[in-house]
Amino acid sequence: MKPKSRMWIDARKEGFQPANVKKETYIIEGIKNEEIKKKLWEAIGFQVLSIEVLPDNSGKVTVTYNDTIISPRFMDYRLHLKGISYKREGD
């Protein structure tokens, strides 16, 4: 049996880089529906930092993301694949 060797990765100096963090606001009709929330999470939940549904009834959703991981265009593509009708604020 061969001896096992351990490798240590020192990532203490690898900080979170807030310069790459951006926010995008989507207007999604019916976002209060649990099924649409689930589809939204399945579409982009694993690639973004946070998804915040605004408490007013405007249907606005703020997505915080790292632009080195995912782009707004790719988020649009993923939402389209899941069949979520949306509009990006500012478009």
PDB file of N, CA and C in Angstrom:
ATOM      1  N   MET A   1       0.841  -1.176   0.000  1.00  0.00           N
ATOM      2  CA  MET A   1       0.000   0.000   0.000  1.00  0.00           C
ATOM      3  C   MET A   1       0.886   1.239   0.000  1.00  0.00           C
ATOM      4  N   LYS A   2       0.608   2.153  -0.894  1.00  0.00           N
ATOM      5  CA  LYS A   2       1.413   3.366  -1.005  1.00  0.00           C
ATOM      6  C   LYS A   2       1.016   4.363   0.078  1.00  0.00           C
ATOM      7  N   PRO A   3       1.983   5.094   0.567  1.00  0.00           N
ATOM      8  CA  PRO A   3       1.623   6.128   1.556  1.00  0.00           C
ATOM      9  C   PRO A   3       0.850   7.255   0.878  1.00  0.00           C
ATOM     10  N   LYS A   4      -0.092   7.792   1.588  1.00  0.00           N
ATOM     11  CA  LYS A   4      -0.901   8.885   1.059  1.00  0.00           C
ATOM     12  C   LYS A   4      -0.200  10.206   1.334  1.00  0.00           C
ATOM     13  N   SER A   5      -0.283  11.077   0.386  1.00  0.00           N
ATOM     14  CA  SER A   5       0.281  12.405   0.596  1.00  0.00           C
ATOM     15  C   SER A   5      -0.849  13.419   0.520  1.00  0.00           C
ATOM     16  N   ARG A   6      -0.718  14.426   1.314  1.00  0.00           N
ATOM     17  CA  ARG A   6      -1.741  15.465   1.339  1.00  0.00           C
ATOM     18  C   ARG A   6      -1.208  16.724   0.681  1.00  0.00           C
ATOM     19  N   MET A   7      -2.103  17.377  -0.017  1.00  0.00           N
ATOM     20  CA  MET A   7      -1.729  18.625  -0.649  1.00  0.00           C
ATOM     21  C   MET A   7      -2.614  19.715  -0.067  1.00  0.00           C
ATOM     22  N   TRP A   8      -2.019  20.795   0.361  1.00  0.00           N
ATOM     23  CA  TRP A   8      -2.735  21.904   0.952  1.00  0.00           C
ATOM     24  C   TRP A   8      -2.760  23.069  -0.032  1.00  0.00           C
ATOM     25  N   ILE A   9      -3.918  23.630  -0.202  1.00  0.00           N
ATOM     26  CA  ILE A   9      -4.061  24.787  -1.075  1.00  0.00           C
ATOM     27  C   ILE A   9      -4.320  25.993  -0.184  1.00  0.00           C
ATOM     28  N   ASP A  10      -3.442  26.952  -0.271  1.00  0.00           N
ATOM     29  CA  ASP A  10      -3.568  28.137   0.556  1.00  0.00           C
ATOM     30  C   ASP A  10      -4.287  29.222  -0.240  1.00  0.00           C
ATOM     31  N   ALA A  11      -5.551  29.444   0.095  1.00  0.00           N
ATOM     32  CA  ALA A  11      -6.350  30.436  -0.624  1.00  0.00           C
ATOM     33  C   ALA A  11      -6.740  31.595   0.299  1.00  0.00           C
ATOM     34  N   ARG A  12      -6.001  31.785   1.347  1.00  0.00           N
ATOM     35  CA  ARG A  12      -6.349  32.845   2.293  1.00  0.00           C
ATOM     36  C   ARG A  12      -6.209  34.237   1.683  1.00  0.00           C
ATOM     37  N   LYS A  13      -5.346  34.393   0.740  1.00  0.00           N
ATOM     38  CA  LYS A  13      -5.142  35.713   0.131  1.00  0.00           C
ATOM     39  C   LYS A  13      -5.957  35.902  -1.129  1.00  0.00           C
ATOM     40  N   GLU A  14      -6.780  34.930  -1.464  1.00  0.00           N
ATOM     41  CA  GLU A  14      -7.604  34.995  -2.658  1.00  0.00           C
ATOM     42  C   GLU A  14      -8.848  35.785  -2.364  1.00  0.00           C
ATOM     43  N   GLY A  15      -8.990  36.861  -1.973  1.00  0.00           N
ATOM     44  CA  GLY A  15     -10.203  37.540  -1.526  1.00  0.00           C
ATOM     45  C   GLY A  15     -11.303  37.612  -2.554  1.00  0.00           C
ATOM     46  N   PHE A  16     -12.462  37.895  -2.061  1.00  0.00           N
ATOM     47  CA  PHE A  16     -13.616  38.154  -2.925  1.00  0.00           C
ATOM     48  C   PHE A  16     -13.405  39.516  -3.567  1.00  0.00           C
ATOM     49  N   GLN A  17     -13.538  39.590  -4.858  1.00  0.00           N
ATOM     50  CA  GLN A  17     -13.252  40.824  -5.577  1.00  0.00           C
ATOM     51  C   GLN A  17     -14.557  41.559  -5.893  1.00  0.00           C
ATOM     52  N   PRO A  18     -14.914  42.530  -5.077  1.00  0.00           N
ATOM     53  CA  PRO A  18     -16.194  43.211  -5.293  1.00  0.00           C
ATOM     54  C   PRO A  18     -16.232  44.078  -6.547  1.00  0.00           C
ATOM     55  N   ALA A  19     -15.111  44.297  -7.179  1.00  0.00           N
ATOM     56  CA  ALA A  19     -15.119  45.099  -8.407  1.00  0.00           C
ATOM     57  C   ALA A  19     -15.860  44.374  -9.532  1.00  0.00           C
ATOM     58  N   ASN A  20     -15.927  43.053  -9.445  1.00  0.00           N
ATOM     59  CA  ASN A  20     -16.588  42.272 -10.481  1.00  0.00           C
ATOM     60  C   ASN A  20     -18.070  42.043 -10.205  1.00  0.00           C
ATOM     61  N   VAL A  21     -18.572  42.511  -9.084  1.00  0.00           N
ATOM     62  CA  VAL A  21     -19.969  42.289  -8.708  1.00  0.00           C
ATOM     63  C   VAL A  21     -20.846  43.378  -9.311  1.00  0.00           C
ATOM     64  N   LYS A  22     -21.905  42.947  -9.973  1.00  0.00           N
ATOM     65  CA  LYS A  22     -22.845  43.878 -10.596  1.00  0.00           C
ATOM     66  C   LYS A  22     -24.259  43.463 -10.273  1.00  0.00           C
ATOM     67  N   LYS A  23     -25.207  44.367 -10.500  1.00  0.00           N
ATOM     68  CA  LYS A  23     -26.620  44.095 -10.257  1.00  0.00           C
ATOM     69  C   LYS A  23     -27.413  44.331 -11.524  1.00  0.00           C
ATOM     70  N   GLU A  24     -28.411  43.508 -11.700  1.00  0.00           N
ATOM     71  CA  GLU A  24     -29.322  43.638 -12.831  1.00  0.00           C
ATOM     72  C   GLU A  24     -30.732  43.503 -12.275  1.00  0.00           C
ATOM     73  N   THR A  25     -31.659  44.323 -12.746  1.00  0.00           N
ATOM     74  CA  THR A  25     -33.038  44.263 -12.279  1.00  0.00           C
ATOM     75  C   THR A  25     -33.928  43.775 -13.412  1.00  0.00           C
ATOM     76  N   TYR A  26     -34.693  42.737 -13.114  1.00  0.00           N
ATOM     77  CA  TYR A  26     -35.641  42.162 -14.064  1.00  0.00           C
ATOM     78  C   TYR A  26     -37.054  42.440 -13.576  1.00  0.00           C
ATOM     79  N   ILE A  27     -37.960  42.605 -14.511  1.00  0.00           N
ATOM     80  CA  ILE A  27     -39.381  42.719 -14.192  1.00  0.00           C
ATOM     81  C   ILE A  27     -40.029  41.438 -14.704  1.00  0.00           C
ATOM     82  N   ILE A  28     -40.503  40.622 -13.766  1.00  0.00           N
ATOM     83  CA  ILE A  28     -41.079  39.322 -14.097  1.00  0.00           C
ATOM     84  C   ILE A  28     -42.514  39.304 -13.577  1.00  0.00           C
ATOM     85  N   GLU A  29     -43.452  39.174 -14.493  1.00  0.00           N
ATOM     86  CA  GLU A  29     -44.861  39.112 -14.102  1.00  0.00           C
ATOM     87  C   GLU A  29     -45.126  37.796 -13.383  1.00  0.00           C
ATOM     88  N   GLY A  30     -45.841  37.867 -12.281  1.00  0.00           N
ATOM     89  CA  GLY A  30     -46.208  36.672 -11.539  1.00  0.00           C
ATOM     90  C   GLY A  30     -45.087  36.086 -10.700  1.00  0.00           C
ATOM     91  N   ILE A  31     -44.119  36.892 -10.315  1.00  0.00           N
ATOM     92  CA  ILE A  31     -42.975  36.390  -9.550  1.00  0.00           C
ATOM     93  C   ILE A  31     -43.400  35.914  -8.164  1.00  0.00           C
ATOM     94  N   LYS A  32     -44.551  36.315  -7.684  1.00  0.00           N
ATOM     95  CA  LYS A  32     -45.040  35.855  -6.372  1.00  0.00           C
ATOM     96  C   LYS A  32     -45.426  34.376  -6.407  1.00  0.00           C
ATOM     97  N   ASN A  33     -45.626  33.839  -7.593  1.00  0.00           N
ATOM     98  CA  ASN A  33     -45.968  32.428  -7.765  1.00  0.00           C
ATOM     99  C   ASN A  33     -44.744  31.561  -7.451  1.00  0.00           C
ATOM    100  N   GLU A  34     -44.933  30.542  -6.620  1.00  0.00           N
ATOM    101  CA  GLU A  34     -43.816  29.681  -6.212  1.00  0.00           C
ATOM    102  C   GLU A  34     -43.213  28.914  -7.390  1.00  0.00           C
ATOM    103  N   GLU A  35     -44.022  28.560  -8.359  1.00  0.00           N
ATOM    104  CA  GLU A  35     -43.517  27.824  -9.518  1.00  0.00           C
ATOM    105  C   GLU A  35     -42.557  28.686 -10.340  1.00  0.00           C
ATOM    106  N   ILE A  36     -42.874  29.948 -10.505  1.00  0.00           N
ATOM    107  CA  ILE A  36     -41.995  30.856 -11.255  1.00  0.00           C
ATOM    108  C   ILE A  36     -40.709  31.103 -10.470  1.00  0.00           C
ATOM    109  N   LYS A  37     -40.824  31.238  -9.147  1.00  0.00           N
ATOM    110  CA  LYS A  37     -39.617  31.394  -8.324  1.00  0.00           C
ATOM    111  C   LYS A  37     -38.707  30.181  -8.460  1.00  0.00           C
ATOM    112  N   LYS A  38     -39.294  28.995  -8.489  1.00  0.00           N
ATOM    113  CA  LYS A  38     -38.511  27.769  -8.633  1.00  0.00           C
ATOM    114  C   LYS A  38     -37.814  27.727  -9.994  1.00  0.00           C
ATOM    115  N   LYS A  39     -38.543  28.096 -11.048  1.00  0.00           N
ATOM    116  CA  LYS A  39     -37.945  28.134 -12.389  1.00  0.00           C
ATOM    117  C   LYS A  39     -36.803  29.142 -12.455  1.00  0.00           C
ATOM    118  N   LEU A  40     -36.994  30.295 -11.801  1.00  0.00           N
ATOM    119  CA  LEU A  40     -35.954  31.318 -11.770  1.00  0.00           C
ATOM    120  C   LEU A  40     -34.702  30.777 -11.095  1.00  0.00           C
ATOM    121  N   TRP A  41     -34.877  30.122  -9.954  1.00  0.00           N
ATOM    122  CA  TRP A  41     -33.736  29.555  -9.244  1.00  0.00           C
ATOM    123  C   TRP A  41     -33.048  28.476 -10.078  1.00  0.00           C
ATOM    124  N   GLU A  42     -33.832  27.617 -10.735  1.00  0.00           N
ATOM    125  CA  GLU A  42     -33.248  26.566 -11.567  1.00  0.00           C
ATOM    126  C   GLU A  42     -32.486  27.147 -12.754  1.00  0.00           C
ATOM    127  N   ALA A  43     -32.952  28.275 -13.259  1.00  0.00           N
ATOM    128  CA  ALA A  43     -32.333  28.878 -14.437  1.00  0.00           C
ATOM    129  C   ALA A  43     -30.992  29.526 -14.106  1.00  0.00           C
ATOM    130  N   ILE A  44     -30.947  30.357 -13.071  1.00  0.00           N
ATOM    131  CA  ILE A  44     -29.721  31.126 -12.826  1.00  0.00           C
ATOM    132  C   ILE A  44     -29.228  31.075 -11.389  1.00  0.00           C
ATOM    133  N   GLY A  45     -29.915  30.370 -10.527  1.00  0.00           N
ATOM    134  CA  GLY A  45     -29.599  30.392  -9.107  1.00  0.00           C
ATOM    135  C   GLY A  45     -28.195  29.957  -8.742  1.00  0.00           C
ATOM    136  N   PHE A  46     -27.654  28.997  -9.472  1.00  0.00           N
ATOM    137  CA  PHE A  46     -26.343  28.468  -9.118  1.00  0.00           C
ATOM    138  C   PHE A  46     -25.186  29.319  -9.622  1.00  0.00           C
ATOM    139  N   GLN A  47     -25.447  30.214 -10.546  1.00  0.00           N
ATOM    140  CA  GLN A  47     -24.375  31.049 -11.086  1.00  0.00           C
ATOM    141  C   GLN A  47     -24.349  32.467 -10.530  1.00  0.00           C
ATOM    142  N   VAL A  48     -25.372  32.865  -9.794  1.00  0.00           N
ATOM    143  CA  VAL A  48     -25.428  34.234  -9.281  1.00  0.00           C
ATOM    144  C   VAL A  48     -25.178  34.250  -7.779  1.00  0.00           C
ATOM    145  N   LEU A  49     -24.877  35.437  -7.265  1.00  0.00           N
ATOM    146  CA  LEU A  49     -24.618  35.582  -5.832  1.00  0.00           C
ATOM    147  C   LEU A  49     -25.906  35.683  -5.031  1.00  0.00           C
ATOM    148  N   SER A  50     -26.885  36.425  -5.537  1.00  0.00           N
ATOM    149  CA  SER A  50     -28.160  36.529  -4.832  1.00  0.00           C
ATOM    150  C   SER A  50     -29.276  36.892  -5.799  1.00  0.00           C
ATOM    151  N   ILE A  51     -30.475  36.463  -5.420  1.00  0.00           N
ATOM    152  CA  ILE A  51     -31.707  36.812  -6.137  1.00  0.00           C
ATOM    153  C   ILE A  51     -32.645  37.395  -5.103  1.00  0.00           C
ATOM    154  N   GLU A  52     -33.074  38.635  -5.321  1.00  0.00           N
ATOM    155  CA  GLU A  52     -33.925  39.314  -4.349  1.00  0.00           C
ATOM    156  C   GLU A  52     -35.217  39.760  -5.025  1.00  0.00           C
ATOM    157  N   VAL A  53     -36.329  39.248  -4.522  1.00  0.00           N
ATOM    158  CA  VAL A  53     -37.640  39.667  -5.013  1.00  0.00           C
ATOM    159  C   VAL A  53     -38.048  40.876  -4.175  1.00  0.00           C
ATOM    160  N   LEU A  54     -38.269  41.995  -4.827  1.00  0.00           N
ATOM    161  CA  LEU A  54     -38.626  43.209  -4.099  1.00  0.00           C
ATOM    162  C   LEU A  54     -40.027  43.080  -3.507  1.00  0.00           C
ATOM    163  N   PRO A  55     -40.228  43.562  -2.282  1.00  0.00           N
ATOM    164  CA  PRO A  55     -41.493  43.325  -1.577  1.00  0.00           C
ATOM    165  C   PRO A  55     -42.720  44.013  -2.163  1.00  0.00           C
ATOM    166  N   ASP A  56     -42.531  45.075  -2.919  1.00  0.00           N
ATOM    167  CA  ASP A  56     -43.713  45.708  -3.513  1.00  0.00           C
ATOM    168  C   ASP A  56     -44.253  44.815  -4.630  1.00  0.00           C
ATOM    169  N   ASN A  57     -45.416  45.118  -5.137  1.00  0.00           N
ATOM    170  CA  ASN A  57     -46.056  44.271  -6.143  1.00  0.00           C
ATOM    171  C   ASN A  57     -45.675  44.662  -7.568  1.00  0.00           C
ATOM    172  N   SER A  58     -44.483  45.188  -7.754  1.00  0.00           N
ATOM    173  CA  SER A  58     -44.062  45.613  -9.088  1.00  0.00           C
ATOM    174  C   SER A  58     -43.515  44.466  -9.917  1.00  0.00           C
ATOM    175  N   GLY A  59     -43.229  43.330  -9.300  1.00  0.00           N
ATOM    176  CA  GLY A  59     -42.670  42.198 -10.025  1.00  0.00           C
ATOM    177  C   GLY A  59     -41.181  42.331 -10.286  1.00  0.00           C
ATOM    178  N   LYS A  60     -40.510  43.215  -9.558  1.00  0.00           N
ATOM    179  CA  LYS A  60     -39.087  43.436  -9.786  1.00  0.00           C
ATOM    180  C   LYS A  60     -38.242  42.429  -9.012  1.00  0.00           C
ATOM    181  N   VAL A  61     -37.216  41.955  -9.687  1.00  0.00           N
ATOM    182  CA  VAL A  61     -36.270  41.012  -9.107  1.00  0.00           C
ATOM    183  C   VAL A  61     -34.876  41.564  -9.331  1.00  0.00           C
ATOM    184  N   THR A  62     -34.107  41.714  -8.257  1.00  0.00           N
ATOM    185  CA  THR A  62     -32.732  42.190  -8.367  1.00  0.00           C
ATOM    186  C   THR A  62     -31.797  40.997  -8.273  1.00  0.00           C
ATOM    187  N   VAL A  63     -30.949  40.858  -9.281  1.00  0.00           N
ATOM    188  CA  VAL A  63     -29.991  39.755  -9.336  1.00  0.00           C
ATOM    189  C   VAL A  63     -28.595  40.336  -9.171  1.00  0.00           C
ATOM    190  N   THR A  64     -27.861  39.844  -8.183  1.00  0.00           N
ATOM    191  CA  THR A  64     -26.478  40.245  -7.962  1.00  0.00           C
ATOM    192  C   THR A  64     -25.601  39.125  -8.490  1.00  0.00           C
ATOM    193  N   TYR A  65     -24.652  39.461  -9.357  1.00  0.00           N
ATOM    194  CA  TYR A  65     -23.840  38.440 -10.007  1.00  0.00           C
ATOM    195  C   TYR A  65     -22.400  38.908 -10.160  1.00  0.00           C
ATOM    196  N   ASN A  66     -21.529  37.968 -10.376  1.00  0.00           N
ATOM    197  CA  ASN A  66     -20.128  38.241 -10.661  1.00  0.00           C
ATOM    198  C   ASN A  66     -19.970  38.191 -12.170  1.00  0.00           C
ATOM    199  N   ASP A  67     -19.545  39.269 -12.779  1.00  0.00           N
ATOM    200  CA  ASP A  67     -19.510  39.323 -14.241  1.00  0.00           C
ATOM    201  C   ASP A  67     -18.428  38.454 -14.869  1.00  0.00           C
ATOM    202  N   THR A  68     -17.549  37.877 -14.080  1.00  0.00           N
ATOM    203  CA  THR A  68     -16.589  36.922 -14.649  1.00  0.00           C
ATOM    204  C   THR A  68     -17.178  35.518 -14.721  1.00  0.00           C
ATOM    205  N   ILE A  69     -18.320  35.300 -14.056  1.00  0.00           N
ATOM    206  CA  ILE A  69     -18.951  33.981 -14.049  1.00  0.00           C
ATOM    207  C   ILE A  69     -20.121  33.916 -15.024  1.00  0.00           C
ATOM    208  N   ILE A  70     -20.954  34.945 -15.017  1.00  0.00           N
ATOM    209  CA  ILE A  70     -22.158  34.935 -15.858  1.00  0.00           C
ATOM    210  C   ILE A  70     -22.422  36.357 -16.364  1.00  0.00           C
ATOM    211  N   SER A  71     -22.978  36.458 -17.542  1.00  0.00           N
ATOM    212  CA  SER A  71     -23.288  37.766 -18.117  1.00  0.00           C
ATOM    213  C   SER A  71     -24.805  37.954 -18.169  1.00  0.00           C
ATOM    214  N   PRO A  72     -25.261  39.200 -18.265  1.00  0.00           N
ATOM    215  CA  PRO A  72     -26.706  39.426 -18.378  1.00  0.00           C
ATOM    216  C   PRO A  72     -27.312  38.746 -19.608  1.00  0.00           C
ATOM    217  N   ARG A  73     -26.559  38.709 -20.665  1.00  0.00           N
ATOM    218  CA  ARG A  73     -27.045  38.058 -21.891  1.00  0.00           C
ATOM    219  C   ARG A  73     -27.280  36.563 -21.671  1.00  0.00           C
ATOM    220  N   PHE A  74     -26.372  35.924 -20.926  1.00  0.00           N
ATOM    221  CA  PHE A  74     -26.529  34.499 -20.645  1.00  0.00           C
ATOM    222  C   PHE A  74     -27.682  34.262 -19.671  1.00  0.00           C
ATOM    223  N   MET A  75     -27.871  35.189 -18.718  1.00  0.00           N
ATOM    224  CA  MET A  75     -29.028  35.070 -17.828  1.00  0.00           C
ATOM    225  C   MET A  75     -30.322  35.165 -18.631  1.00  0.00           C
ATOM    226  N   ASP A  76     -30.369  36.082 -19.606  1.00  0.00           N
ATOM    227  CA  ASP A  76     -31.539  36.205 -20.475  1.00  0.00           C
ATOM    228  C   ASP A  76     -31.798  34.892 -21.214  1.00  0.00           C
ATOM    229  N   TYR A  77     -30.734  34.295 -21.716  1.00  0.00           N
ATOM    230  CA  TYR A  77     -30.838  33.033 -22.443  1.00  0.00           C
ATOM    231  C   TYR A  77     -31.402  31.936 -21.544  1.00  0.00           C
ATOM    232  N   ARG A  78     -30.889  31.843 -20.311  1.00  0.00           N
ATOM    233  CA  ARG A  78     -31.349  30.814 -19.374  1.00  0.00           C
ATOM    234  C   ARG A  78     -32.818  31.026 -18.989  1.00  0.00           C
ATOM    235  N   LEU A  79     -33.226  32.273 -18.781  1.00  0.00           N
ATOM    236  CA  LEU A  79     -34.618  32.565 -18.466  1.00  0.00           C
ATOM    237  C   LEU A  79     -35.524  32.208 -19.632  1.00  0.00           C
ATOM    238  N   HIS A  80     -35.069  32.488 -20.835  1.00  0.00           N
ATOM    239  CA  HIS A  80     -35.831  32.150 -22.035  1.00  0.00           C
ATOM    240  C   HIS A  80     -35.997  30.638 -22.158  1.00  0.00           C
ATOM    241  N   LEU A  81     -34.941  29.877 -21.853  1.00  0.00           N
ATOM    242  CA  LEU A  81     -35.026  28.418 -21.926  1.00  0.00           C
ATOM    243  C   LEU A  81     -36.048  27.855 -20.944  1.00  0.00           C
ATOM    244  N   LYS A  82     -36.164  28.474 -19.779  1.00  0.00           N
ATOM    245  CA  LYS A  82     -37.122  28.007 -18.769  1.00  0.00           C
ATOM    246  C   LYS A  82     -38.538  28.516 -19.022  1.00  0.00           C
ATOM    247  N   GLY A  83     -38.713  29.374 -20.011  1.00  0.00           N
ATOM    248  CA  GLY A  83     -40.039  29.872 -20.357  1.00  0.00           C
ATOM    249  C   GLY A  83     -40.534  30.987 -19.448  1.00  0.00           C
ATOM    250  N   ILE A  84     -39.617  31.727 -18.860  1.00  0.00           N
ATOM    251  CA  ILE A  84     -39.987  32.829 -17.991  1.00  0.00           C
ATOM    252  C   ILE A  84     -40.046  34.109 -18.818  1.00  0.00           C
ATOM    253  N   SER A  85     -41.210  34.763 -18.802  1.00  0.00           N
ATOM    254  CA  SER A  85     -41.324  36.025 -19.540  1.00  0.00           C
ATOM    255  C   SER A  85     -40.813  37.136 -18.623  1.00  0.00           C
ATOM    256  N   TYR A  86     -39.949  37.972 -19.143  1.00  0.00           N
ATOM    257  CA  TYR A  86     -39.280  38.978 -18.337  1.00  0.00           C
ATOM    258  C   TYR A  86     -39.009  40.205 -19.185  1.00  0.00           C
ATOM    259  N   LYS A  87     -38.614  41.252 -18.500  1.00  0.00           N
ATOM    260  CA  LYS A  87     -38.130  42.457 -19.156  1.00  0.00           C
ATOM    261  C   LYS A  87     -37.034  43.000 -18.258  1.00  0.00           C
ATOM    262  N   ARG A  88     -35.895  43.328 -18.847  1.00  0.00           N
ATOM    263  CA  ARG A  88     -34.819  43.920 -18.062  1.00  0.00           C
ATOM    264  C   ARG A  88     -35.095  45.389 -17.864  1.00  0.00           C
ATOM    265  N   GLU A  89     -34.937  45.865 -16.631  1.00  0.00           N
ATOM    266  CA  GLU A  89     -35.177  47.277 -16.361  1.00  0.00           C
ATOM    267  C   GLU A  89     -34.126  48.100 -17.102  1.00  0.00           C
ATOM    268  N   GLY A  90     -34.567  49.121 -17.794  1.00  0.00           N
ATOM    269  CA  GLY A  90     -33.657  49.963 -18.557  1.00  0.00           C
ATOM    270  C   GLY A  90     -33.619  49.616 -20.024  1.00  0.00           C
ATOM    271  N   ASP A  91     -34.255  48.514 -20.428  1.00  0.00           N
ATOM    272  CA  ASP A  91     -34.300  48.158 -21.849  1.00  0.00           C
ATOM    273  C   ASP A  91     -35.511  48.749 -22.508  1.00  0.00           C
TER     274      ASP A  91
END
